[in-house]
Amino acid sequence: MHLPNFLVSSAWAAGSAAGGSGSMIGSFIPLILIFVIFYFLLIRPQQKRAKEHKQMLEAIKRGDKVVTSGGLYGVVEQVDQNILTIKIAENVKVKVGKAYIATVRTEKESE
């Protein structure tokens, strides 16, 4: 009697599933490696950038040249707890949430 191949492979898979816990630990090693790789390539750099951005926002003072996440360039006129008043043109001031500041421009970038 000749059994189809898909039945034979299922029988082998069922027999190996009844193995010991050593194979179970071995199956988790690739998952652990993937998590470690994701941590060092994605999570850690993102946390570092978030920390640097938070420090930049805390250091903003009057007279700093900033760029908002919407692309507005301006000079900080007033700093409140979570709101900045930015002068973007003569007699044009806008209020922007601190979280929406993308970068603080340096003197080299201003030129």
PDB file of N, CA and C in Angstrom:
ATOM      1  N   MET A   1       0.837  -1.172   0.000  1.00  0.00           N
ATOM      2  CA  MET A   1       0.000   0.000   0.000  1.00  0.00           C
ATOM      3  C   MET A   1       0.886   1.242   0.000  1.00  0.00           C
ATOM      4  N   HIS A   2       0.526   2.175  -0.841  1.00  0.00           N
ATOM      5  CA  HIS A   2       1.339   3.369  -1.027  1.00  0.00           C
ATOM      6  C   HIS A   2       0.560   4.583  -0.514  1.00  0.00           C
ATOM      7  N   LEU A   3       1.112   5.305   0.504  1.00  0.00           N
ATOM      8  CA  LEU A   3       0.439   6.468   1.083  1.00  0.00           C
ATOM      9  C   LEU A   3       0.861   7.736   0.355  1.00  0.00           C
ATOM     10  N   PRO A   4      -0.053   8.644   0.194  1.00  0.00           N
ATOM     11  CA  PRO A   4       0.321   9.928  -0.423  1.00  0.00           C
ATOM     12  C   PRO A   4       1.341  10.668   0.451  1.00  0.00           C
ATOM     13  N   ASN A   5       2.162  11.481  -0.204  1.00  0.00           N
ATOM     14  CA  ASN A   5       3.249  12.170   0.492  1.00  0.00           C
ATOM     15  C   ASN A   5       2.761  13.120   1.579  1.00  0.00           C
ATOM     16  N   PHE A   6       1.642  13.781   1.390  1.00  0.00           N
ATOM     17  CA  PHE A   6       1.202  14.736   2.400  1.00  0.00           C
ATOM     18  C   PHE A   6       0.794  14.041   3.688  1.00  0.00           C
ATOM     19  N   LEU A   7       0.352  12.787   3.636  1.00  0.00           N
ATOM     20  CA  LEU A   7       0.019  12.052   4.853  1.00  0.00           C
ATOM     21  C   LEU A   7       1.281  11.600   5.581  1.00  0.00           C
ATOM     22  N   VAL A   8       2.301  11.231   4.850  1.00  0.00           N
ATOM     23  CA  VAL A   8       3.556  10.774   5.458  1.00  0.00           C
ATOM     24  C   VAL A   8       4.252  11.929   6.149  1.00  0.00           C
ATOM     25  N   SER A   9       4.293  13.106   5.503  1.00  0.00           N
ATOM     26  CA  SER A   9       4.948  14.251   6.127  1.00  0.00           C
ATOM     27  C   SER A   9       4.206  14.695   7.370  1.00  0.00           C
ATOM     28  N   SER A  10       2.883  14.554   7.401  1.00  0.00           N
ATOM     29  CA  SER A  10       2.112  14.900   8.591  1.00  0.00           C
ATOM     30  C   SER A  10       2.440  13.954   9.725  1.00  0.00           C
ATOM     31  N   ALA A  11       2.647  12.697   9.412  1.00  0.00           N
ATOM     32  CA  ALA A  11       2.978  11.725  10.442  1.00  0.00           C
ATOM     33  C   ALA A  11       4.345  12.023  11.038  1.00  0.00           C
ATOM     34  N   TRP A  12       5.308  12.387  10.222  1.00  0.00           N
ATOM     35  CA  TRP A  12       6.625  12.735  10.741  1.00  0.00           C
ATOM     36  C   TRP A  12       6.556  13.983  11.627  1.00  0.00           C
ATOM     37  N   ALA A  13       5.769  14.978  11.226  1.00  0.00           N
ATOM     38  CA  ALA A  13       5.634  16.206  12.008  1.00  0.00           C
ATOM     39  C   ALA A  13       4.987  15.916  13.347  1.00  0.00           C
ATOM     40  N   ALA A  14       3.996  15.042  13.381  1.00  0.00           N
ATOM     41  CA  ALA A  14       3.333  14.704  14.634  1.00  0.00           C
ATOM     42  C   ALA A  14       4.283  13.965  15.552  1.00  0.00           C
ATOM     43  N   GLY A  15       5.131  13.100  15.013  1.00  0.00           N
ATOM     44  CA  GLY A  15       6.084  12.357  15.827  1.00  0.00           C
ATOM     45  C   GLY A  15       7.144  13.257  16.420  1.00  0.00           C
ATOM     46  N   SER A  16       7.590  14.268  15.701  1.00  0.00           N
ATOM     47  CA  SER A  16       8.633  15.151  16.212  1.00  0.00           C
ATOM     48  C   SER A  16       8.083  16.162  17.206  1.00  0.00           C
ATOM     49  N   ALA A  17       6.796  16.467  17.152  1.00  0.00           N
ATOM     50  CA  ALA A  17       6.204  17.428  18.080  1.00  0.00           C
ATOM     51  C   ALA A  17       6.176  16.875  19.489  1.00  0.00           C
ATOM     52  N   ALA A  18       6.226  15.582  19.633  1.00  0.00           N
ATOM     53  CA  ALA A  18       6.192  14.986  20.955  1.00  0.00           C
ATOM     54  C   ALA A  18       7.571  14.959  21.593  1.00  0.00           C
ATOM     55  N   GLY A  19       8.554  15.659  20.987  1.00  0.00           N
ATOM     56  CA  GLY A  19       9.930  15.673  21.483  1.00  0.00           C
ATOM     57  C   GLY A  19      10.044  16.387  22.813  1.00  0.00           C
ATOM     58  N   GLY A  20      11.275  16.553  23.302  1.00  0.00           N
ATOM     59  CA  GLY A  20      11.505  17.160  24.599  1.00  0.00           C
ATOM     60  C   GLY A  20      11.434  18.673  24.573  1.00  0.00           C
ATOM     61  N   SER A  21      11.731  19.262  25.736  1.00  0.00           N
ATOM     62  CA  SER A  21      11.673  20.719  25.861  1.00  0.00           C
ATOM     63  C   SER A  21      12.883  21.387  25.225  1.00  0.00           C
ATOM     64  N   GLY A  22      13.914  20.623  24.900  1.00  0.00           N
ATOM     65  CA  GLY A  22      15.098  21.184  24.253  1.00  0.00           C
ATOM     66  C   GLY A  22      14.767  21.794  22.912  1.00  0.00           C
ATOM     67  N   SER A  23      13.885  21.156  22.160  1.00  0.00           N
ATOM     68  CA  SER A  23      13.499  21.707  20.868  1.00  0.00           C
ATOM     69  C   SER A  23      12.635  22.955  21.032  1.00  0.00           C
ATOM     70  N   MET A  24      11.910  23.028  22.147  1.00  0.00           N
ATOM     71  CA  MET A  24      11.067  24.203  22.396  1.00  0.00           C
ATOM     72  C   MET A  24      11.933  25.435  22.659  1.00  0.00           C
ATOM     73  N   ILE A  25      12.995  25.273  23.432  1.00  0.00           N
ATOM     74  CA  ILE A  25      13.908  26.385  23.701  1.00  0.00           C
ATOM     75  C   ILE A  25      14.605  26.794  22.409  1.00  0.00           C
ATOM     76  N   GLY A  26      14.989  25.804  21.617  1.00  0.00           N
ATOM     77  CA  GLY A  26      15.643  26.088  20.348  1.00  0.00           C
ATOM     78  C   GLY A  26      14.757  26.852  19.389  1.00  0.00           C
ATOM     79  N   SER A  27      13.461  26.673  19.494  1.00  0.00           N
ATOM     80  CA  SER A  27      12.555  27.390  18.597  1.00  0.00           C
ATOM     81  C   SER A  27      12.372  28.850  19.012  1.00  0.00           C
ATOM     82  N   PHE A  28      12.676  29.170  20.269  1.00  0.00           N
ATOM     83  CA  PHE A  28      12.545  30.558  20.721  1.00  0.00           C
ATOM     84  C   PHE A  28      13.803  31.390  20.441  1.00  0.00           C
ATOM     85  N   ILE A  29      14.918  30.742  20.194  1.00  0.00           N
ATOM     86  CA  ILE A  29      16.167  31.473  19.947  1.00  0.00           C
ATOM     87  C   ILE A  29      16.058  32.418  18.748  1.00  0.00           C
ATOM     88  N   PRO A  30      15.494  32.039  17.608  1.00  0.00           N
ATOM     89  CA  PRO A  30      15.356  33.000  16.503  1.00  0.00           C
ATOM     90  C   PRO A  30      14.473  34.196  16.866  1.00  0.00           C
ATOM     91  N   LEU A  31      13.426  33.964  17.644  1.00  0.00           N
ATOM     92  CA  LEU A  31      12.562  35.076  18.059  1.00  0.00           C
ATOM     93  C   LEU A  31      13.316  36.049  18.962  1.00  0.00           C
ATOM     94  N   ILE A  32      14.127  35.505  19.846  1.00  0.00           N
ATOM     95  CA  ILE A  32      14.923  36.356  20.734  1.00  0.00           C
ATOM     96  C   ILE A  32      15.939  37.161  19.923  1.00  0.00           C
ATOM     97  N   LEU A  33      16.585  36.523  18.957  1.00  0.00           N
ATOM     98  CA  LEU A  33      17.543  37.229  18.103  1.00  0.00           C
ATOM     99  C   LEU A  33      16.877  38.339  17.310  1.00  0.00           C
ATOM    100  N   ILE A  34      15.691  38.091  16.799  1.00  0.00           N
ATOM    101  CA  ILE A  34      14.961  39.121  16.043  1.00  0.00           C
ATOM    102  C   ILE A  34      14.645  40.300  16.948  1.00  0.00           C
ATOM    103  N   PHE A  35      14.210  40.031  18.188  1.00  0.00           N
ATOM    104  CA  PHE A  35      13.907  41.122  19.114  1.00  0.00           C
ATOM    105  C   PHE A  35      15.159  41.940  19.422  1.00  0.00           C
ATOM    106  N   VAL A  36      16.292  41.270  19.638  1.00  0.00           N
ATOM    107  CA  VAL A  36      17.544  41.984  19.927  1.00  0.00           C
ATOM    108  C   VAL A  36      17.943  42.858  18.744  1.00  0.00           C
ATOM    109  N   ILE A  37      17.821  42.338  17.548  1.00  0.00           N
ATOM    110  CA  ILE A  37      18.159  43.120  16.355  1.00  0.00           C
ATOM    111  C   ILE A  37      17.235  44.328  16.225  1.00  0.00           C
ATOM    112  N   PHE A  38      15.919  44.126  16.423  1.00  0.00           N
ATOM    113  CA  PHE A  38      14.982  45.255  16.367  1.00  0.00           C
ATOM    114  C   PHE A  38      15.314  46.291  17.425  1.00  0.00           C
ATOM    115  N   TYR A  39      15.697  45.845  18.611  1.00  0.00           N
ATOM    116  CA  TYR A  39      16.008  46.782  19.681  1.00  0.00           C
ATOM    117  C   TYR A  39      17.174  47.686  19.279  1.00  0.00           C
ATOM    118  N   PHE A  40      18.257  47.083  18.795  1.00  0.00           N
ATOM    119  CA  PHE A  40      19.444  47.881  18.485  1.00  0.00           C
ATOM    120  C   PHE A  40      19.312  48.670  17.188  1.00  0.00           C
ATOM    121  N   LEU A  41      18.491  48.222  16.249  1.00  0.00           N
ATOM    122  CA  LEU A  41      18.366  48.934  14.979  1.00  0.00           C
ATOM    123  C   LEU A  41      17.202  49.929  14.945  1.00  0.00           C
ATOM    124  N   LEU A  42      16.155  49.685  15.722  1.00  0.00           N
ATOM    125  CA  LEU A  42      14.975  50.551  15.654  1.00  0.00           C
ATOM    126  C   LEU A  42      14.637  51.239  16.960  1.00  0.00           C
ATOM    127  N   ILE A  43      14.471  50.496  18.015  1.00  0.00           N
ATOM    128  CA  ILE A  43      13.944  51.048  19.266  1.00  0.00           C
ATOM    129  C   ILE A  43      14.949  51.973  19.943  1.00  0.00           C
ATOM    130  N   ARG A  44      16.183  51.527  20.109  1.00  0.00           N
ATOM    131  CA  ARG A  44      17.185  52.319  20.811  1.00  0.00           C
ATOM    132  C   ARG A  44      17.484  53.643  20.113  1.00  0.00           C
ATOM    133  N   PRO A  45      17.721  53.665  18.788  1.00  0.00           N
ATOM    134  CA  PRO A  45      17.960  54.963  18.134  1.00  0.00           C
ATOM    135  C   PRO A  45      16.768  55.913  18.236  1.00  0.00           C
ATOM    136  N   GLN A  46      15.555  55.357  18.176  1.00  0.00           N
ATOM    137  CA  GLN A  46      14.372  56.211  18.282  1.00  0.00           C
ATOM    138  C   GLN A  46      14.259  56.814  19.677  1.00  0.00           C
ATOM    139  N   GLN A  47      14.558  56.049  20.704  1.00  0.00           N
ATOM    140  CA  GLN A  47      14.534  56.582  22.062  1.00  0.00           C
ATOM    141  C   GLN A  47      15.595  57.667  22.233  1.00  0.00           C
ATOM    142  N   LYS A  48      16.751  57.476  21.617  1.00  0.00           N
ATOM    143  CA  LYS A  48      17.823  58.472  21.705  1.00  0.00           C
ATOM    144  C   LYS A  48      17.405  59.778  21.034  1.00  0.00           C
ATOM    145  N   ARG A  49      16.792  59.665  19.831  1.00  0.00           N
ATOM    146  CA  ARG A  49      16.324  60.871  19.138  1.00  0.00           C
ATOM    147  C   ARG A  49      15.245  61.584  19.935  1.00  0.00           C
ATOM    148  N   ALA A  50      14.336  60.833  20.548  1.00  0.00           N
ATOM    149  CA  ALA A  50      13.261  61.440  21.348  1.00  0.00           C
ATOM    150  C   ALA A  50      13.840  62.177  22.552  1.00  0.00           C
ATOM    151  N   LYS A  51      14.849  61.601  23.183  1.00  0.00           N
ATOM    152  CA  LYS A  51      15.482  62.248  24.335  1.00  0.00           C
ATOM    153  C   LYS A  51      16.175  63.542  23.912  1.00  0.00           C
ATOM    154  N   GLU A  52      16.895  63.520  22.781  1.00  0.00           N
ATOM    155  CA  GLU A  52      17.564  64.720  22.278  1.00  0.00           C
ATOM    156  C   GLU A  52      16.559  65.802  21.912  1.00  0.00           C
ATOM    157  N   HIS A  53      15.427  65.417  21.302  1.00  0.00           N
ATOM    158  CA  HIS A  53      14.397  66.380  20.924  1.00  0.00           C
ATOM    159  C   HIS A  53      13.781  67.020  22.169  1.00  0.00           C
ATOM    160  N   LYS A  54      13.555  66.224  23.204  1.00  0.00           N
ATOM    161  CA  LYS A  54      12.989  66.758  24.452  1.00  0.00           C
ATOM    162  C   LYS A  54      13.950  67.758  25.077  1.00  0.00           C
ATOM    163  N   GLN A  55      15.253  67.445  25.087  1.00  0.00           N
ATOM    164  CA  GLN A  55      16.238  68.375  25.633  1.00  0.00           C
ATOM    165  C   GLN A  55      16.289  69.662  24.814  1.00  0.00           C
ATOM    166  N   MET A  56      16.164  69.534  23.482  1.00  0.00           N
ATOM    167  CA  MET A  56      16.169  70.711  22.617  1.00  0.00           C
ATOM    168  C   MET A  56      14.964  71.604  22.935  1.00  0.00           C
ATOM    169  N   LEU A  57      13.790  70.994  23.132  1.00  0.00           N
ATOM    170  CA  LEU A  57      12.591  71.778  23.426  1.00  0.00           C
ATOM    171  C   LEU A  57      12.703  72.492  24.768  1.00  0.00           C
ATOM    172  N   GLU A  58      13.316  71.834  25.752  1.00  0.00           N
ATOM    173  CA  GLU A  58      13.469  72.450  27.070  1.00  0.00           C
ATOM    174  C   GLU A  58      14.452  73.622  27.036  1.00  0.00           C
ATOM    175  N   ALA A  59      15.381  73.626  26.078  1.00  0.00           N
ATOM    176  CA  ALA A  59      16.411  74.658  26.014  1.00  0.00           C
ATOM    177  C   ALA A  59      16.019  75.852  25.137  1.00  0.00           C
ATOM    178  N   ILE A  60      14.828  75.831  24.536  1.00  0.00           N
ATOM    179  CA  ILE A  60      14.421  76.944  23.657  1.00  0.00           C
ATOM    180  C   ILE A  60      14.238  78.207  24.486  1.00  0.00           C
ATOM    181  N   LYS A  61      14.788  79.298  23.961  1.00  0.00           N
ATOM    182  CA  LYS A  61      14.674  80.590  24.647  1.00  0.00           C
ATOM    183  C   LYS A  61      14.310  81.676  23.638  1.00  0.00           C
ATOM    184  N   ARG A  62      14.002  82.835  24.147  1.00  0.00           N
ATOM    185  CA  ARG A  62      13.629  83.968  23.298  1.00  0.00           C
ATOM    186  C   ARG A  62      14.799  84.321  22.380  1.00  0.00           C
ATOM    187  N   GLY A  63      14.492  84.540  21.087  1.00  0.00           N
ATOM    188  CA  GLY A  63      15.513  84.906  20.119  1.00  0.00           C
ATOM    189  C   GLY A  63      16.031  83.728  19.302  1.00  0.00           C
ATOM    190  N   ASP A  64      15.691  82.505  19.696  1.00  0.00           N
ATOM    191  CA  ASP A  64      16.121  81.340  18.915  1.00  0.00           C
ATOM    192  C   ASP A  64      15.380  81.292  17.584  1.00  0.00           C
ATOM    193  N   LYS A  65      16.083  80.870  16.558  1.00  0.00           N
ATOM    194  CA  LYS A  65      15.467  80.691  15.247  1.00  0.00           C
ATOM    195  C   LYS A  65      15.041  79.229  15.150  1.00  0.00           C
ATOM    196  N   VAL A  66      13.759  79.009  14.843  1.00  0.00           N
ATOM    197  CA  VAL A  66      13.207  77.655  14.854  1.00  0.00           C
ATOM    198  C   VAL A  66      12.496  77.343  13.550  1.00  0.00           C
ATOM    199  N   VAL A  67      12.287  76.038  13.333  1.00  0.00           N
ATOM    200  CA  VAL A  67      11.487  75.552  12.216  1.00  0.00           C
ATOM    201  C   VAL A  67      10.430  74.643  12.825  1.00  0.00           C
ATOM    202  N   THR A  68       9.166  74.880  12.458  1.00  0.00           N
ATOM    203  CA  THR A  68       8.090  74.036  12.976  1.00  0.00           C
ATOM    204  C   THR A  68       7.963  72.785  12.119  1.00  0.00           C
ATOM    205  N   SER A  69       7.215  71.817  12.626  1.00  0.00           N
ATOM    206  CA  SER A  69       6.997  70.586  11.863  1.00  0.00           C
ATOM    207  C   SER A  69       6.154  70.855  10.622  1.00  0.00           C
ATOM    208  N   GLY A  70       5.455  71.974  10.580  1.00  0.00           N
ATOM    209  CA  GLY A  70       4.693  72.362   9.409  1.00  0.00           C
ATOM    210  C   GLY A  70       5.517  73.110   8.377  1.00  0.00           C
ATOM    211  N   GLY A  71       6.768  73.435   8.720  1.00  0.00           N
ATOM    212  CA  GLY A  71       7.653  74.084   7.767  1.00  0.00           C
ATOM    213  C   GLY A  71       7.760  75.593   7.923  1.00  0.00           C
ATOM    214  N   LEU A  72       7.209  76.165   8.984  1.00  0.00           N
ATOM    215  CA  LEU A  72       7.318  77.606   9.205  1.00  0.00           C
ATOM    216  C   LEU A  72       8.659  77.937   9.847  1.00  0.00           C
ATOM    217  N   TYR A  73       9.334  78.940   9.298  1.00  0.00           N
ATOM    218  CA  TYR A  73      10.581  79.431   9.867  1.00  0.00           C
ATOM    219  C   TYR A  73      10.260  80.690  10.635  1.00  0.00           C
ATOM    220  N   GLY A  74      10.832  80.834  11.830  1.00  0.00           N
ATOM    221  CA  GLY A  74      10.564  82.033  12.596  1.00  0.00           C
ATOM    222  C   GLY A  74      11.523  82.201  13.750  1.00  0.00           C
ATOM    223  N   VAL A  75      11.320  83.304  14.481  1.00  0.00           N
ATOM    224  CA  VAL A  75      12.132  83.634  15.644  1.00  0.00           C
ATOM    225  C   VAL A  75      11.219  83.611  16.862  1.00  0.00           C
ATOM    226  N   VAL A  76      11.680  82.975  17.922  1.00  0.00           N
ATOM    227  CA  VAL A  76      10.876  82.861  19.141  1.00  0.00           C
ATOM    228  C   VAL A  76      10.784  84.226  19.809  1.00  0.00           C
ATOM    229  N   GLU A  77       9.555  84.677  20.037  1.00  0.00           N
ATOM    230  CA  GLU A  77       9.311  85.956  20.707  1.00  0.00           C
ATOM    231  C   GLU A  77       8.985  85.757  22.186  1.00  0.00           C
ATOM    232  N   GLN A  78       8.237  84.694  22.506  1.00  0.00           N
ATOM    233  CA  GLN A  78       7.817  84.466  23.883  1.00  0.00           C
ATOM    234  C   GLN A  78       7.738  82.964  24.127  1.00  0.00           C
ATOM    235  N   VAL A  79       8.181  82.551  25.320  1.00  0.00           N
ATOM    236  CA  VAL A  79       8.154  81.141  25.694  1.00  0.00           C
ATOM    237  C   VAL A  79       7.261  80.973  26.913  1.00  0.00           C
ATOM    238  N   ASP A  80       6.221  80.178  26.776  1.00  0.00           N
ATOM    239  CA  ASP A  80       5.367  79.816  27.899  1.00  0.00           C
ATOM    240  C   ASP A  80       5.619  78.351  28.231  1.00  0.00           C
ATOM    241  N   GLN A  81       4.791  77.790  29.080  1.00  0.00           N
ATOM    242  CA  GLN A  81       4.971  76.388  29.485  1.00  0.00           C
ATOM    243  C   GLN A  81       4.994  75.444  28.289  1.00  0.00           C
ATOM    244  N   ASN A  82       3.934  75.449  27.490  1.00  0.00           N
ATOM    245  CA  ASN A  82       3.841  74.547  26.337  1.00  0.00           C
ATOM    246  C   ASN A  82       3.586  75.272  25.026  1.00  0.00           C
ATOM    247  N   ILE A  83       3.603  76.607  25.047  1.00  0.00           N
ATOM    248  CA  ILE A  83       3.281  77.392  23.852  1.00  0.00           C
ATOM    249  C   ILE A  83       4.404  78.384  23.577  1.00  0.00           C
ATOM    250  N   LEU A  84       4.773  78.487  22.308  1.00  0.00           N
ATOM    251  CA  LEU A  84       5.758  79.477  21.876  1.00  0.00           C
ATOM    252  C   LEU A  84       5.064  80.483  20.970  1.00  0.00           C
ATOM    253  N   THR A  85       5.413  81.742  21.106  1.00  0.00           N
ATOM    254  CA  THR A  85       4.966  82.753  20.169  1.00  0.00           C
ATOM    255  C   THR A  85       6.133  82.999  19.227  1.00  0.00           C
ATOM    256  N   ILE A  86       5.879  82.782  17.926  1.00  0.00           N
ATOM    257  CA  ILE A  86       6.939  82.869  16.925  1.00  0.00           C
ATOM    258  C   ILE A  86       6.624  83.990  15.950  1.00  0.00           C
ATOM    259  N   LYS A  87       7.626  84.812  15.687  1.00  0.00           N
ATOM    260  CA  LYS A  87       7.489  85.879  14.705  1.00  0.00           C
ATOM    261  C   LYS A  87       7.960  85.318  13.369  1.00  0.00           C
ATOM    262  N   ILE A  88       7.022  85.240  12.393  1.00  0.00           N
ATOM    263  CA  ILE A  88       7.375  84.663  11.102  1.00  0.00           C
ATOM    264  C   ILE A  88       7.556  85.717  10.015  1.00  0.00           C
ATOM    265  N   ALA A  89       7.082  86.941  10.275  1.00  0.00           N
ATOM    266  CA  ALA A  89       7.253  88.063   9.347  1.00  0.00           C
ATOM    267  C   ALA A  89       7.010  89.336  10.144  1.00  0.00           C
ATOM    268  N   GLU A  90       7.215  90.482   9.505  1.00  0.00           N
ATOM    269  CA  GLU A  90       6.948  91.752  10.177  1.00  0.00           C
ATOM    270  C   GLU A  90       5.479  91.815  10.574  1.00  0.00           C
ATOM    271  N   ASN A  91       5.234  92.091  11.827  1.00  0.00           N
ATOM    272  CA  ASN A  91       3.887  92.206  12.394  1.00  0.00           C
ATOM    273  C   ASN A  91       3.060  90.922  12.246  1.00  0.00           C
ATOM    274  N   VAL A  92       3.700  89.773  12.095  1.00  0.00           N
ATOM    275  CA  VAL A  92       2.984  88.498  12.014  1.00  0.00           C
ATOM    276  C   VAL A  92       3.578  87.555  13.058  1.00  0.00           C
ATOM    277  N   LYS A  93       2.767  87.265  14.071  1.00  0.00           N
ATOM    278  CA  LYS A  93       3.196  86.348  15.118  1.00  0.00           C
ATOM    279  C   LYS A  93       2.182  85.219  15.204  1.00  0.00           C
ATOM    280  N   VAL A  94       2.669  83.997  15.415  1.00  0.00           N
ATOM    281  CA  VAL A  94       1.786  82.847  15.571  1.00  0.00           C
ATOM    282  C   VAL A  94       2.154  82.118  16.858  1.00  0.00           C
ATOM    283  N   LYS A  95       1.147  81.496  17.441  1.00  0.00           N
ATOM    284  CA  LYS A  95       1.387  80.674  18.620  1.00  0.00           C
ATOM    285  C   LYS A  95       1.448  79.226  18.172  1.00  0.00           C
ATOM    286  N   VAL A  96       2.476  78.533  18.656  1.00  0.00           N
ATOM    287  CA  VAL A  96       2.714  77.146  18.258  1.00  0.00           C
ATOM    288  C   VAL A  96       2.986  76.330  19.517  1.00  0.00           C
ATOM    289  N   GLY A  97       2.453  75.132  19.550  1.00  0.00           N
ATOM    290  CA  GLY A  97       2.766  74.229  20.654  1.00  0.00           C
ATOM    291  C   GLY A  97       4.233  73.839  20.604  1.00  0.00           C
ATOM    292  N   LYS A  98       4.860  73.742  21.771  1.00  0.00           N
ATOM    293  CA  LYS A  98       6.287  73.397  21.825  1.00  0.00           C
ATOM    294  C   LYS A  98       6.576  72.069  21.129  1.00  0.00           C
ATOM    295  N   ALA A  99       5.661  71.150  21.215  1.00  0.00           N
ATOM    296  CA  ALA A  99       5.873  69.817  20.630  1.00  0.00           C
ATOM    297  C   ALA A  99       5.973  69.870  19.111  1.00  0.00           C
ATOM    298  N   TYR A 100       5.513  70.958  18.492  1.00  0.00           N
ATOM    299  CA  TYR A 100       5.526  71.074  17.036  1.00  0.00           C
ATOM    300  C   TYR A 100       6.772  71.770  16.494  1.00  0.00           C
ATOM    301  N   ILE A 101       7.745  72.002  17.339  1.00  0.00           N
ATOM    302  CA  ILE A 101       9.013  72.559  16.887  1.00  0.00           C
ATOM    303  C   ILE A 101       9.877  71.397  16.404  1.00  0.00           C
ATOM    304  N   ALA A 102      10.295  71.452  15.151  1.00  0.00           N
ATOM    305  CA  ALA A 102      11.098  70.366  14.583  1.00  0.00           C
ATOM    306  C   ALA A 102      12.572  70.557  14.911  1.00  0.00           C
ATOM    307  N   THR A 103      13.092  71.755  14.673  1.00  0.00           N
ATOM    308  CA  THR A 103      14.514  72.014  14.931  1.00  0.00           C
ATOM    309  C   THR A 103      14.724  73.452  15.381  1.00  0.00           C
ATOM    310  N   VAL A 104      15.820  73.647  16.049  1.00  0.00           N
ATOM    311  CA  VAL A 104      16.302  74.992  16.371  1.00  0.00           C
ATOM    312  C   VAL A 104      17.483  75.223  15.447  1.00  0.00           C
ATOM    313  N   ARG A 105      17.395  76.287  14.652  1.00  0.00           N
ATOM    314  CA  ARG A 105      18.439  76.560  13.649  1.00  0.00           C
ATOM    315  C   ARG A 105      19.646  77.196  14.312  1.00  0.00           C
ATOM    316  N   THR A 106      20.817  76.795  13.847  1.00  0.00           N
ATOM    317  CA  THR A 106      22.060  77.383  14.351  1.00  0.00           C
ATOM    318  C   THR A 106      22.420  78.582  13.470  1.00  0.00           C
ATOM    319  N   GLU A 107      23.433  79.285  13.871  1.00  0.00           N
ATOM    320  CA  GLU A 107      23.858  80.465  13.097  1.00  0.00           C
ATOM    321  C   GLU A 107      24.328  80.079  11.701  1.00  0.00           C
ATOM    322  N   LYS A 108      24.959  78.914  11.554  1.00  0.00           N
ATOM    323  CA  LYS A 108      25.435  78.465  10.256  1.00  0.00           C
ATOM    324  C   LYS A 108      24.265  78.190   9.320  1.00  0.00           C
ATOM    325  N   GLU A 109      23.186  77.605   9.851  1.00  0.00           N
ATOM    326  CA  GLU A 109      22.016  77.298   9.026  1.00  0.00           C
ATOM    327  C   GLU A 109      21.232  78.556   8.675  1.00  0.00           C
ATOM    328  N   SER A 110      21.349  79.612   9.475  1.00  0.00           N
ATOM    329  CA  SER A 110      20.580  80.840   9.264  1.00  0.00           C
ATOM    330  C   SER A 110      21.074  81.624   8.061  1.00  0.00           C
ATOM    331  N   GLU A 111      22.310  81.463   7.714  1.00  0.00           N
ATOM    332  CA  GLU A 111      22.896  82.275   6.642  1.00  0.00           C
ATOM    333  C   GLU A 111      22.477  81.832   5.274  1.00  0.00           C
TER     334      GLU A 111
END
